[in-house]
Amino acid sequence: MRLTSRFTPLIILAGFLLFSLVAAQGTGSVETVENHYTIIRSRWEGQGVATVELQGMFDERPVLSDIGLIRFVGIPAQKNREAIVHPMRFQLWRKILESEQPHREVTYRDQFGEHDIVTDQAEWLILPSINETLAIGDLSKGEGQHYVAYDVIERTSINQTVVITDALGTREVTLTAPEFFAVPVEKNHAGTSSRIIDDRVHLAIYRMQQTVSVDVTVDMGDQFRNESVDLFIIFYLAVPAEKLSE
């Protein structure tokens, strides 16, 4: 399957006005305070851009990590026509270049039930962003949560078919096994700290059985830089989740 778009302001704005409702943050289940995200692969490769201090829900103390260029972008998505919680909240996934982590047995719960997994290395720093094309909000004051996403090395496929709607269209996909599990993280860099907003909220990132090709260029930014990013394959759906045990 192939989709083509330039991700213009009109397309995005029309999609969000039609499909999105803004919900209050801080109460209720994790699905009421965080988005689902369609996760799309970027063509960027490259060297590290910064060293940051991270302390996530798995860490006893802060850890220095080198992060690289944008590899994925997350855009707000509806699952089965549920409302988007934060229509202007996007994600940038930057590669953590080296990370030695122990295996952890984790139980989490999401809309698909309870799941037991084993995590491995920390692979991605997920940063909140907005799409600069719309020029709404201040990138330096975004209220989105930061996450660190860990590889999942032991898991069970959920085999759930869902309908996803986002700014690029609507598609029916089958979700298989969780590829990553993301935990909230506090980030410190160059004197700027990003706090954990809601320590209940995690993300289970499920692989889609069939990837979807796109041709999209987006202007994105975070604390490190603003970039024009070419996106080309939809791989995953990020689903709000709550960690039950570790």
Protein backbone atom coordinates (compact mmCIF):
# COMPACT_ATOMS: atom_id res chain seq x y z
CA MET A 1 0.00 0.00 0.00
CA ARG A 2 1.29 3.53 -0.76
CA LEU A 3 0.01 6.91 0.41
CA THR A 4 1.25 10.26 -0.88
CA SER A 5 0.94 13.60 0.94
CA ARG A 6 2.88 16.82 1.53
CA PHE A 7 1.44 17.10 5.04
CA THR A 8 0.15 20.62 4.35
CA PRO A 9 -1.46 22.73 7.06
CA LEU A 10 -4.86 22.42 5.40
CA ILE A 11 -4.75 18.61 5.40
CA ILE A 12 -3.66 18.39 9.01
CA LEU A 13 -6.07 21.05 10.27
CA ALA A 14 -9.02 19.51 8.43
CA GLY A 15 -8.17 16.08 9.77
CA PHE A 16 -7.88 17.25 13.34
CA LEU A 17 -11.06 19.35 13.23
CA LEU A 18 -12.96 16.38 11.88
CA PHE A 19 -11.53 13.61 14.02
CA SER A 20 -10.14 15.13 17.24
CA LEU A 21 -11.42 16.20 20.62
CA VAL A 22 -9.18 17.62 23.32
CA ALA A 23 -9.51 15.87 26.68
CA ALA A 24 -8.44 17.07 30.11
CA GLN A 25 -5.11 15.78 31.39
CA GLY A 26 -4.19 14.37 34.79
CA THR A 27 -7.22 12.23 35.72
CA GLY A 28 -8.84 9.06 34.51
CA SER A 29 -7.30 6.12 32.71
CA VAL A 30 -4.07 6.43 30.75
CA GLU A 31 -6.07 6.47 27.49
CA THR A 32 -7.64 9.79 28.56
CA VAL A 33 -4.31 11.59 29.10
CA GLU A 34 -2.10 10.37 26.25
CA ASN A 35 -2.50 9.86 22.51
CA HIS A 36 -2.22 6.86 20.33
CA TYR A 37 0.53 7.56 17.76
CA THR A 38 1.18 6.31 14.26
CA ILE A 39 4.96 5.76 14.16
CA ILE A 40 6.59 6.52 10.79
CA ARG A 41 10.18 5.83 9.74
CA SER A 42 12.43 8.74 8.79
CA ARG A 43 15.14 8.65 6.14
CA TRP A 44 17.58 10.31 8.54
CA GLU A 45 20.68 8.45 9.58
CA GLY A 46 23.70 10.01 11.17
CA GLN A 47 25.91 10.84 14.08
CA GLY A 48 25.06 11.78 17.64
CA VAL A 49 23.78 15.28 18.21
CA ALA A 50 23.81 15.59 22.00
CA THR A 51 24.61 14.01 25.33
CA VAL A 52 21.69 14.10 27.75
CA GLU A 53 21.08 12.99 31.32
CA LEU A 54 18.12 10.64 31.60
CA GLN A 55 16.40 9.12 34.62
CA GLY A 56 13.43 6.96 33.80
CA MET A 57 11.07 4.73 35.72
CA PHE A 58 13.59 1.87 35.46
CA ASP A 59 16.60 3.90 36.65
CA GLU A 60 17.86 4.27 40.21
CA ARG A 61 20.06 7.22 39.23
CA PRO A 62 20.54 9.52 36.20
CA VAL A 63 22.30 8.02 33.17
CA LEU A 64 24.30 9.95 30.57
CA SER A 65 23.23 8.97 27.04
CA ASP A 66 24.30 10.04 23.55
CA ILE A 67 21.36 10.50 21.20
CA GLY A 68 21.32 10.61 17.42
CA LEU A 69 19.21 12.05 14.64
CA ILE A 70 15.49 11.51 14.16
CA ARG A 71 14.64 7.96 13.07
CA PHE A 72 10.87 7.97 13.63
CA VAL A 73 8.10 10.54 13.94
CA GLY A 74 4.89 9.87 15.85
CA ILE A 75 1.70 11.59 14.72
CA PRO A 76 -1.55 11.63 16.74
CA ALA A 77 -3.91 8.86 15.72
CA GLN A 78 -7.39 7.60 16.37
CA LYS A 79 -7.86 3.92 17.08
CA ASN A 80 -11.29 2.63 16.13
CA ARG A 81 -12.57 6.21 15.95
CA GLU A 82 -11.74 7.06 19.56
CA ALA A 83 -11.01 10.75 20.10
CA ILE A 84 -7.45 12.07 19.88
CA VAL A 85 -6.54 13.44 23.30
CA HIS A 86 -3.92 16.02 22.21
CA PRO A 87 -4.24 16.86 18.49
CA MET A 88 -1.15 19.11 18.48
CA ARG A 89 1.17 16.69 20.28
CA PHE A 90 3.66 14.90 18.03
CA GLN A 91 6.72 12.76 18.85
CA LEU A 92 10.30 12.68 17.67
CA TRP A 93 12.20 9.43 18.18
CA ARG A 94 15.96 9.90 18.50
CA LYS A 95 18.31 6.93 18.62
CA ILE A 96 20.11 6.23 21.91
CA LEU A 97 23.53 5.27 20.57
CA GLU A 98 24.79 3.11 23.44
CA SER A 99 22.86 1.68 26.35
CA GLU A 100 23.68 -1.26 28.60
CA GLN A 101 20.58 -2.38 30.46
CA PRO A 102 19.64 -5.54 32.36
CA HIS A 103 16.76 -7.70 31.24
CA ARG A 104 13.56 -6.80 33.08
CA GLU A 105 10.32 -8.75 33.43
CA VAL A 106 7.42 -6.33 33.09
CA THR A 107 3.66 -6.71 33.30
CA TYR A 108 1.56 -3.96 31.75
CA ARG A 109 -2.06 -3.32 30.90
CA ASP A 110 -3.55 -1.56 27.91
CA GLN A 111 -6.84 -1.65 25.99
CA PHE A 112 -5.95 -5.13 24.73
CA GLY A 113 -5.54 -6.68 28.19
CA GLU A 114 -2.64 -7.59 30.48
CA HIS A 115 0.72 -8.59 28.99
CA ASP A 116 3.97 -10.07 30.30
CA ILE A 117 7.16 -9.04 28.51
CA VAL A 118 10.93 -8.97 28.97
CA THR A 119 12.78 -5.78 28.01
CA ASP A 120 16.38 -5.37 26.87
CA GLN A 121 18.34 -2.29 25.76
CA ALA A 122 17.14 1.32 25.80
CA GLU A 123 16.81 2.12 22.09
CA TRP A 124 14.97 5.42 21.70
CA LEU A 125 14.51 8.76 23.41
CA ILE A 126 10.99 9.93 22.53
CA LEU A 127 10.60 13.70 22.69
CA PRO A 128 7.38 15.72 22.44
CA SER A 129 7.09 18.10 19.51
CA ILE A 130 4.61 19.97 17.36
CA ASN A 131 4.42 20.17 13.60
CA GLU A 132 6.00 23.50 12.73
CA THR A 133 3.91 23.87 9.59
CA LEU A 134 0.95 24.81 11.78
CA ALA A 135 3.02 27.24 13.90
CA ILE A 136 0.77 26.78 16.95
CA GLY A 137 2.41 26.76 20.36
CA ASP A 138 5.96 27.14 21.58
CA LEU A 139 8.30 24.19 21.10
CA SER A 140 10.27 25.09 24.20
CA LYS A 141 7.16 24.94 26.40
CA GLY A 142 5.51 21.77 25.17
CA GLU A 143 3.71 19.80 27.86
CA GLY A 144 4.19 16.42 26.24
CA GLN A 145 5.93 13.67 28.18
CA HIS A 146 9.40 12.31 27.38
CA TYR A 147 9.87 8.55 27.20
CA VAL A 148 12.67 6.04 26.82
CA ALA A 149 11.67 3.06 24.66
CA TYR A 150 13.22 -0.34 25.41
CA ASP A 151 13.52 -3.33 23.08
CA VAL A 152 11.06 -6.10 23.94
CA ILE A 153 12.73 -9.49 23.52
CA GLU A 154 10.06 -11.79 24.98
CA ARG A 155 6.43 -11.12 24.15
CA THR A 156 3.19 -12.61 22.83
CA SER A 157 1.42 -11.38 19.72
CA ILE A 158 -1.98 -9.78 20.30
CA ASN A 159 -3.22 -10.20 16.67
CA GLN A 160 -5.72 -7.35 16.93
CA THR A 161 -7.20 -5.70 13.85
CA VAL A 162 -7.95 -2.00 14.34
CA VAL A 163 -8.88 1.02 12.22
CA ILE A 164 -6.33 3.85 12.44
CA THR A 165 -7.13 7.42 11.40
CA ASP A 166 -4.48 10.15 11.34
CA ALA A 167 -3.48 13.13 9.21
CA LEU A 168 -2.40 10.77 6.41
CA GLY A 169 -5.71 8.95 6.12
CA THR A 170 -7.57 5.91 7.42
CA ARG A 171 -6.37 2.32 7.23
CA GLU A 172 -7.20 -1.05 8.74
CA VAL A 173 -4.15 -2.74 10.25
CA THR A 174 -3.40 -5.86 12.28
CA LEU A 175 -1.23 -5.30 15.32
CA THR A 176 1.10 -8.16 16.23
CA ALA A 177 3.62 -8.20 19.08
CA PRO A 178 4.97 -5.26 21.11
CA GLU A 179 8.31 -4.21 19.62
CA PHE A 180 9.17 -1.59 22.26
CA PHE A 181 7.95 -0.58 25.70
CA ALA A 182 8.33 3.09 26.61
CA VAL A 183 8.61 4.44 30.16
CA PRO A 184 8.39 8.06 31.33
CA VAL A 185 11.75 9.76 31.74
CA GLU A 186 13.16 12.96 33.18
CA LYS A 187 15.59 14.61 30.77
CA ASN A 188 18.31 17.15 31.61
CA HIS A 189 20.34 18.91 28.94
CA ALA A 190 22.23 22.22 28.88
CA GLY A 191 20.60 23.40 32.08
CA THR A 192 17.06 22.57 30.96
CA SER A 193 15.07 19.87 32.75
CA SER A 194 11.96 18.09 31.49
CA ARG A 195 9.96 16.56 34.29
CA ILE A 196 7.85 13.40 34.27
CA ILE A 197 4.29 14.65 33.87
CA ASP A 198 2.37 11.46 34.70
CA ASP A 199 4.30 8.43 35.93
CA ARG A 200 1.33 6.14 35.27
CA VAL A 201 1.49 6.64 31.52
CA HIS A 202 3.67 4.29 29.48
CA LEU A 203 3.51 3.30 25.80
CA ALA A 204 3.32 -0.15 24.27
CA ILE A 205 4.56 0.07 20.68
CA TYR A 206 3.04 -2.64 18.49
CA ARG A 207 4.34 -3.68 15.10
CA MET A 208 1.88 -3.66 12.23
CA GLN A 209 1.57 -6.89 10.29
CA GLN A 210 1.80 -4.97 7.02
CA THR A 211 3.80 -1.76 6.74
CA VAL A 212 2.37 1.18 4.80
CA SER A 213 4.48 3.27 2.40
CA VAL A 214 4.08 7.06 2.49
CA ASP A 215 5.81 10.04 0.89
CA VAL A 216 5.72 12.84 3.43
CA THR A 217 7.97 15.76 4.40
CA VAL A 218 7.36 17.43 7.76
CA ASP A 219 9.05 20.32 9.57
CA MET A 220 9.65 19.22 13.15
CA GLY A 221 11.58 20.60 16.08
CA ASP A 222 12.65 19.86 19.63
CA GLN A 223 15.17 21.23 22.13
CA PHE A 224 18.09 20.18 19.92
CA ARG A 225 17.20 21.46 16.46
CA ASN A 226 14.52 22.09 13.87
CA GLU A 227 14.57 19.77 10.89
CA SER A 228 12.73 19.00 7.68
CA VAL A 229 12.18 15.26 7.89
CA ASP A 230 11.30 12.87 5.06
CA LEU A 231 9.06 10.01 6.17
CA PHE A 232 8.48 6.86 4.14
CA ILE A 233 7.13 3.80 6.01
CA ILE A 234 4.50 3.40 8.76
CA PHE A 235 5.75 0.64 11.06
CA TYR A 236 4.08 0.84 14.48
CA LEU A 237 1.19 2.01 16.60
CA ALA A 238 1.99 3.40 20.05
CA VAL A 239 -0.75 2.60 22.58
CA PRO A 240 -1.09 4.15 26.06
CA ALA A 241 -0.34 1.57 28.74
CA GLU A 242 0.03 1.27 32.50
CA LYS A 243 2.88 -0.71 34.08
CA LEU A 244 1.59 -3.10 36.74
CA SER A 245 4.82 -4.68 37.93
CA GLU A 246 8.53 -4.91 37.24
